[in-house]
């Protein structure tokens, strides 16, 4: 099985006709994703030839859903327009909204999440500033390379895009049920905890890899949740052991002050919850391999 995304998912792309949207629409189609349309109000009614596949362009998410039955939207929209695009997807009632865009103002993200809450949180939001998610062999919504792993029995949730790819590649012989890149901004939609519970509930996921990074307390909260609710084995990695104090490192949320939010503090919290934590991605992969072989 898979979490959040499967072979029956019908995907639309908000911002499909832009350069990034078109590039990754092409890649998603090539990996077997059922792309049923794009959204661009200025090009509504047109059709785009994507490597031999005619993809219709709609004027709104609501129109695309009504015409195609779409239940997933992937956003390749500039930061200034991302909040509006998310709100449009929420108002249309889309089930899953995957926000790839980097550089979305935190105030905009907060406003969009509040809007979703006011609508009963019927839309699952992943991101922003994330690589999306993939259920290998079934569907791929975002920018994760589809050829680095296959279907298998590990679930992966990660703040980091590149570390998502590395972990998928290092454990490619075992494979993944789903891999979810949740993004590293201070305010995100789907969290480590959301994915941990989904993998716990998925009968085909046998073990979970959780990748965190410095800053905030998401990993500490995930550790507390694991100790109370997760019975499947979890292996962890926390990026940023060598990050200098007080300096923002890549992701907007990856900043530490004193002992708060450090990689060591997160590692200790996870280990206290029974999570085996590697000091490098490769060590975490080795720990997972040992765990499954035993």
Protein backbone atom coordinates (compact mmCIF):
# COMPACT_ATOMS: atom_id res chain seq x y z
CA UNK A 1 0.00 0.00 0.00
CA UNK A 2 0.96 3.66 0.14
CA UNK A 3 0.10 6.75 2.18
CA UNK A 4 -1.62 9.85 0.80
CA UNK A 5 -0.87 8.99 -2.86
CA UNK A 6 -1.54 5.85 -4.91
CA UNK A 7 -2.09 4.51 -8.43
CA UNK A 8 -5.65 5.86 -8.44
CA UNK A 9 -4.64 9.46 -7.66
CA UNK A 10 -5.60 11.97 -10.36
CA UNK A 11 -3.17 14.87 -10.35
CA UNK A 12 -3.43 18.44 -11.61
CA UNK A 13 -0.57 20.93 -11.72
CA UNK A 14 -1.12 24.55 -10.71
CA UNK A 15 1.45 26.50 -12.69
CA UNK A 16 1.98 23.69 -15.17
CA UNK A 17 2.68 25.97 -18.12
CA UNK A 18 5.64 27.69 -16.42
CA UNK A 19 9.17 26.41 -16.98
CA UNK A 20 9.46 24.51 -13.67
CA UNK A 21 5.88 23.28 -13.86
CA UNK A 22 6.36 21.96 -17.37
CA UNK A 23 9.71 20.32 -16.60
CA UNK A 24 8.36 18.41 -13.64
CA UNK A 25 5.02 17.63 -15.28
CA UNK A 26 7.06 15.87 -17.93
CA UNK A 27 8.99 13.95 -15.27
CA UNK A 28 5.86 13.01 -13.33
CA UNK A 29 4.14 11.75 -16.47
CA UNK A 30 7.21 9.72 -17.40
CA UNK A 31 7.15 8.05 -13.98
CA UNK A 32 3.54 6.95 -14.44
CA UNK A 33 1.66 9.66 -12.55
CA UNK A 34 -1.88 10.21 -13.84
CA UNK A 35 -1.64 13.92 -14.74
CA UNK A 36 -5.15 14.91 -15.79
CA UNK A 37 -4.71 18.66 -16.25
CA UNK A 38 -2.98 21.93 -15.53
CA UNK A 39 -4.33 25.18 -14.10
CA UNK A 40 -3.62 28.61 -15.59
CA UNK A 41 -6.48 31.15 -15.85
CA UNK A 42 -4.79 32.90 -18.78
CA UNK A 43 -4.52 29.70 -20.82
CA UNK A 44 -7.83 28.04 -19.93
CA UNK A 45 -9.25 25.91 -22.72
CA UNK A 46 -5.89 25.18 -24.33
CA UNK A 47 -4.08 21.86 -24.49
CA UNK A 48 -0.39 21.29 -23.93
CA UNK A 49 1.53 18.49 -25.65
CA UNK A 50 3.82 16.96 -23.04
CA UNK A 51 6.01 14.41 -24.80
CA UNK A 52 3.08 13.10 -26.80
CA UNK A 53 0.47 13.35 -24.05
CA UNK A 54 -2.18 16.05 -24.52
CA UNK A 55 -2.81 17.69 -21.14
CA UNK A 56 -5.76 20.11 -20.91
CA UNK A 57 -5.39 23.46 -19.15
CA UNK A 58 -8.22 24.72 -16.94
CA UNK A 59 -9.00 28.15 -15.59
CA UNK A 60 -9.38 27.06 -11.97
CA UNK A 61 -8.86 24.15 -9.63
CA UNK A 62 -12.63 23.78 -9.21
CA UNK A 63 -13.10 23.52 -12.97
CA UNK A 64 -10.28 21.00 -13.28
CA UNK A 65 -11.76 18.87 -10.53
CA UNK A 66 -15.23 18.99 -12.04
CA UNK A 67 -13.98 17.97 -15.48
CA UNK A 68 -11.38 15.37 -14.50
CA UNK A 69 -12.15 14.08 -11.00
CA UNK A 70 -8.75 15.29 -9.81
CA UNK A 71 -7.99 14.74 -6.12
CA UNK A 72 -4.36 15.92 -5.94
CA UNK A 73 -2.81 19.26 -6.91
CA UNK A 74 0.90 20.01 -7.19
CA UNK A 75 1.87 23.69 -7.01
CA UNK A 76 4.66 25.23 -9.07
CA UNK A 77 3.60 28.82 -8.42
CA UNK A 78 5.87 31.84 -7.64
CA UNK A 79 6.07 32.67 -3.91
CA UNK A 80 4.01 35.86 -4.21
CA UNK A 81 1.04 33.92 -5.60
CA UNK A 82 1.36 30.70 -3.60
CA UNK A 83 -1.02 31.65 -0.80
CA UNK A 84 -3.75 32.43 -3.33
CA UNK A 85 -3.14 29.15 -5.15
CA UNK A 86 -3.34 27.14 -1.90
CA UNK A 87 -6.54 28.92 -0.85
CA UNK A 88 -8.03 28.22 -4.28
CA UNK A 89 -7.22 24.52 -3.94
CA UNK A 90 -8.70 24.43 -0.43
CA UNK A 91 -11.87 26.20 -1.52
CA UNK A 92 -12.27 23.73 -4.38
CA UNK A 93 -12.10 20.86 -1.89
CA UNK A 94 -9.01 19.11 -3.27
CA UNK A 95 -7.94 16.22 -1.05
CA UNK A 96 -4.17 16.69 -1.29
CA UNK A 97 -2.26 19.89 -2.06
CA UNK A 98 1.51 19.54 -2.59
CA UNK A 99 3.31 22.90 -2.39
CA UNK A 100 6.76 22.70 -3.98
CA UNK A 101 7.46 26.46 -3.98
CA UNK A 102 10.45 27.74 -2.01
CA UNK A 103 10.53 31.18 -0.41
CA UNK A 104 6.85 31.43 0.57
CA UNK A 105 6.49 34.11 3.29
CA UNK A 106 5.78 32.49 6.65
CA UNK A 107 2.84 34.86 7.14
CA UNK A 108 1.32 33.56 3.89
CA UNK A 109 1.77 29.95 4.91
CA UNK A 110 0.19 30.67 8.29
CA UNK A 111 -2.79 32.40 6.64
CA UNK A 112 -3.31 29.49 4.24
CA UNK A 113 -3.19 26.91 7.05
CA UNK A 114 -5.67 28.99 9.08
CA UNK A 115 -7.97 29.09 6.07
CA UNK A 116 -7.75 25.32 5.74
CA UNK A 117 -8.59 24.95 9.43
CA UNK A 118 -11.64 27.19 8.97
CA UNK A 119 -12.81 24.81 6.24
CA UNK A 120 -12.49 21.77 8.48
CA UNK A 121 -8.98 20.78 7.30
CA UNK A 122 -10.44 18.73 4.47
CA UNK A 123 -7.31 19.34 2.39
CA UNK A 124 -4.02 17.73 3.34
CA UNK A 125 -1.22 20.19 2.62
CA UNK A 126 2.36 19.03 2.11
CA UNK A 127 5.05 21.74 2.09
CA UNK A 128 5.85 24.41 1.18
CA UNK A 129 9.51 24.27 0.19
CA UNK A 130 9.37 20.52 -0.22
CA UNK A 131 10.12 17.87 -2.87
CA UNK A 132 6.63 16.35 -2.62
CA UNK A 133 5.93 12.68 -2.19
CA UNK A 134 6.24 9.44 -4.10
CA UNK A 135 4.70 6.00 -3.79
CA UNK A 136 7.17 4.08 -5.98
CA UNK A 137 5.55 2.17 -8.82
CA UNK A 138 2.25 3.94 -8.21
CA UNK A 139 2.47 7.74 -8.41
CA UNK A 140 4.82 10.68 -7.95
CA UNK A 141 3.62 14.17 -6.99
CA UNK A 142 6.48 16.65 -6.97
CA UNK A 143 10.15 16.65 -7.90
CA UNK A 144 11.47 13.42 -6.33
CA UNK A 145 13.40 11.39 -8.93
CA UNK A 146 11.34 8.29 -9.66
CA UNK A 147 14.19 6.07 -10.84
CA UNK A 148 16.30 5.89 -7.68
CA UNK A 149 14.25 3.28 -5.83
CA UNK A 150 11.34 0.89 -6.19
CA UNK A 151 8.36 -0.24 -4.13
CA UNK A 152 9.15 -1.89 -0.83
CA UNK A 153 8.47 -2.04 2.89
CA UNK A 154 10.08 1.13 4.31
CA UNK A 155 8.23 4.38 4.96
CA UNK A 156 10.24 7.62 4.80
CA UNK A 157 9.40 11.09 6.13
CA UNK A 158 11.96 13.85 5.76
CA UNK A 159 12.41 17.60 6.17
CA UNK A 160 15.19 17.59 3.56
CA UNK A 161 14.74 16.98 -0.15
CA UNK A 162 18.28 15.92 -0.96
CA UNK A 163 18.46 13.62 2.07
CA UNK A 164 15.18 12.07 0.95
CA UNK A 165 16.83 11.18 -2.34
CA UNK A 166 19.99 9.88 -0.66
CA UNK A 167 18.09 7.64 1.75
CA UNK A 168 15.90 6.28 -1.05
CA UNK A 169 19.02 5.47 -3.07
CA UNK A 170 20.94 3.90 -0.17
CA UNK A 171 18.02 1.59 0.64
CA UNK A 172 16.91 1.04 -2.97
CA UNK A 173 17.35 -2.74 -2.78
CA UNK A 174 14.70 -2.88 -0.03
CA UNK A 175 12.41 -0.18 -1.44
CA UNK A 176 9.76 2.13 -0.05
CA UNK A 177 6.00 2.09 0.46
CA UNK A 178 5.96 5.89 0.30
CA UNK A 179 8.48 8.69 0.78
CA UNK A 180 7.22 12.10 1.92
CA UNK A 181 9.29 15.28 1.89
CA UNK A 182 7.49 17.58 4.32
CA UNK A 183 9.71 20.65 3.85
CA UNK A 184 11.89 22.64 6.21
CA UNK A 185 10.05 25.94 6.62
CA UNK A 186 9.03 27.10 10.13
CA UNK A 187 5.36 26.57 9.25
CA UNK A 188 4.40 23.51 7.20
CA UNK A 189 1.24 21.52 6.59
CA UNK A 190 1.82 17.79 7.08
CA UNK A 191 4.25 17.00 9.91
CA UNK A 192 6.52 14.16 10.96
CA UNK A 193 3.79 13.03 13.35
CA UNK A 194 1.13 12.91 10.60
CA UNK A 195 3.35 10.68 8.47
CA UNK A 196 4.45 8.50 11.37
CA UNK A 197 0.83 7.70 12.18
CA UNK A 198 -0.01 7.05 8.52
CA UNK A 199 2.90 4.62 8.23
CA UNK A 200 1.86 3.00 11.52
CA UNK A 201 -1.59 2.41 10.02
CA UNK A 202 -0.26 1.10 6.69
CA UNK A 203 -0.06 -2.71 6.80
CA UNK A 204 2.63 -2.87 4.11
CA UNK A 205 5.05 -0.51 5.88
CA UNK A 206 7.29 -2.55 8.17
CA UNK A 207 9.70 0.13 9.38
CA UNK A 208 10.08 3.91 9.21
CA UNK A 209 12.96 6.28 8.50
CA UNK A 210 12.53 9.79 9.91
CA UNK A 211 14.89 12.55 8.80
CA UNK A 212 14.91 15.81 10.73
CA UNK A 213 17.18 18.79 11.00
CA UNK A 214 18.23 21.50 13.42
CA UNK A 215 15.83 24.22 14.52
CA UNK A 216 12.46 24.17 16.22
CA UNK A 217 11.11 21.29 18.26
CA UNK A 218 9.36 19.14 15.61
CA UNK A 219 11.70 16.20 16.18
CA UNK A 220 11.29 16.35 19.96
CA UNK A 221 7.50 16.33 19.53
CA UNK A 222 7.80 13.43 17.10
CA UNK A 223 9.93 11.56 19.63
CA UNK A 224 7.24 11.97 22.30
CA UNK A 225 4.61 10.76 19.83
CA UNK A 226 6.69 7.73 18.85
CA UNK A 227 7.09 6.68 22.47
CA UNK A 228 3.31 6.74 23.00
CA UNK A 229 1.79 5.73 19.66
CA UNK A 230 4.24 4.08 17.23
CA UNK A 231 4.99 0.39 17.60
CA UNK A 232 6.85 -0.11 14.32
CA UNK A 233 10.64 0.32 14.43
CA UNK A 234 11.93 3.80 13.57
CA UNK A 235 15.41 4.83 12.45
CA UNK A 236 16.32 8.51 12.50
CA UNK A 237 18.83 11.02 11.24
CA UNK A 238 19.11 14.68 12.20
CA UNK A 239 20.93 16.99 9.79
CA UNK A 240 23.09 19.77 11.19
CA UNK A 241 25.52 18.32 13.74
CA UNK A 242 28.22 20.71 12.51
CA UNK A 243 26.02 23.79 12.00
CA UNK A 244 27.29 26.96 13.74
CA UNK A 245 25.03 28.38 16.44
CA UNK A 246 22.75 31.25 15.41
CA UNK A 247 23.23 30.85 11.65
CA UNK A 248 20.37 29.98 9.30
CA UNK A 249 21.35 26.89 7.35
CA UNK A 250 19.50 26.45 4.05
CA UNK A 251 15.96 25.94 5.27
CA UNK A 252 14.25 28.88 6.92
CA UNK A 253 13.52 26.80 9.99
CA UNK A 254 17.04 25.44 10.41
CA UNK A 255 18.44 27.81 13.02
CA UNK A 256 19.45 27.08 16.59
CA UNK A 257 19.87 29.28 19.65
CA UNK A 258 21.97 27.92 22.51
CA UNK A 259 21.00 24.34 23.26
CA UNK A 260 17.50 24.70 21.80
CA UNK A 261 16.95 22.94 18.48
CA UNK A 262 20.40 21.37 18.22
CA UNK A 263 21.03 18.11 16.43
CA UNK A 264 22.40 16.55 19.62
CA UNK A 265 19.30 17.46 21.65
CA UNK A 266 17.05 16.00 18.95
CA UNK A 267 19.16 12.85 18.71
CA UNK A 268 18.91 12.34 22.48
CA UNK A 269 15.13 12.85 22.47
CA UNK A 270 14.68 10.34 19.67
CA UNK A 271 16.96 7.77 21.27
CA UNK A 272 15.06 8.12 24.53
CA UNK A 273 11.94 7.13 22.57
CA UNK A 274 13.65 3.99 21.27
CA UNK A 275 14.66 5.38 17.87
CA UNK A 276 18.05 4.30 16.56
CA UNK A 277 19.73 7.48 15.25
CA UNK A 278 22.61 7.61 12.80
CA UNK A 279 25.16 10.43 12.86
CA UNK A 280 25.27 10.34 9.04
CA UNK A 281 22.66 9.41 6.43
CA UNK A 282 24.71 6.34 5.51
CA UNK A 283 24.86 5.21 9.12
CA UNK A 284 21.07 5.62 9.41
CA UNK A 285 20.66 3.50 6.28
CA UNK A 286 22.95 0.85 7.76
CA UNK A 287 20.91 0.84 10.98
CA UNK A 288 17.72 0.30 8.99
CA UNK A 289 19.30 -2.52 7.04
CA UNK A 290 20.45 -4.20 10.28
CA UNK A 291 17.02 -3.73 11.82
CA UNK A 292 15.17 -5.35 8.91
CA UNK A 293 17.67 -8.20 8.58
CA UNK A 294 17.21 -9.08 12.25
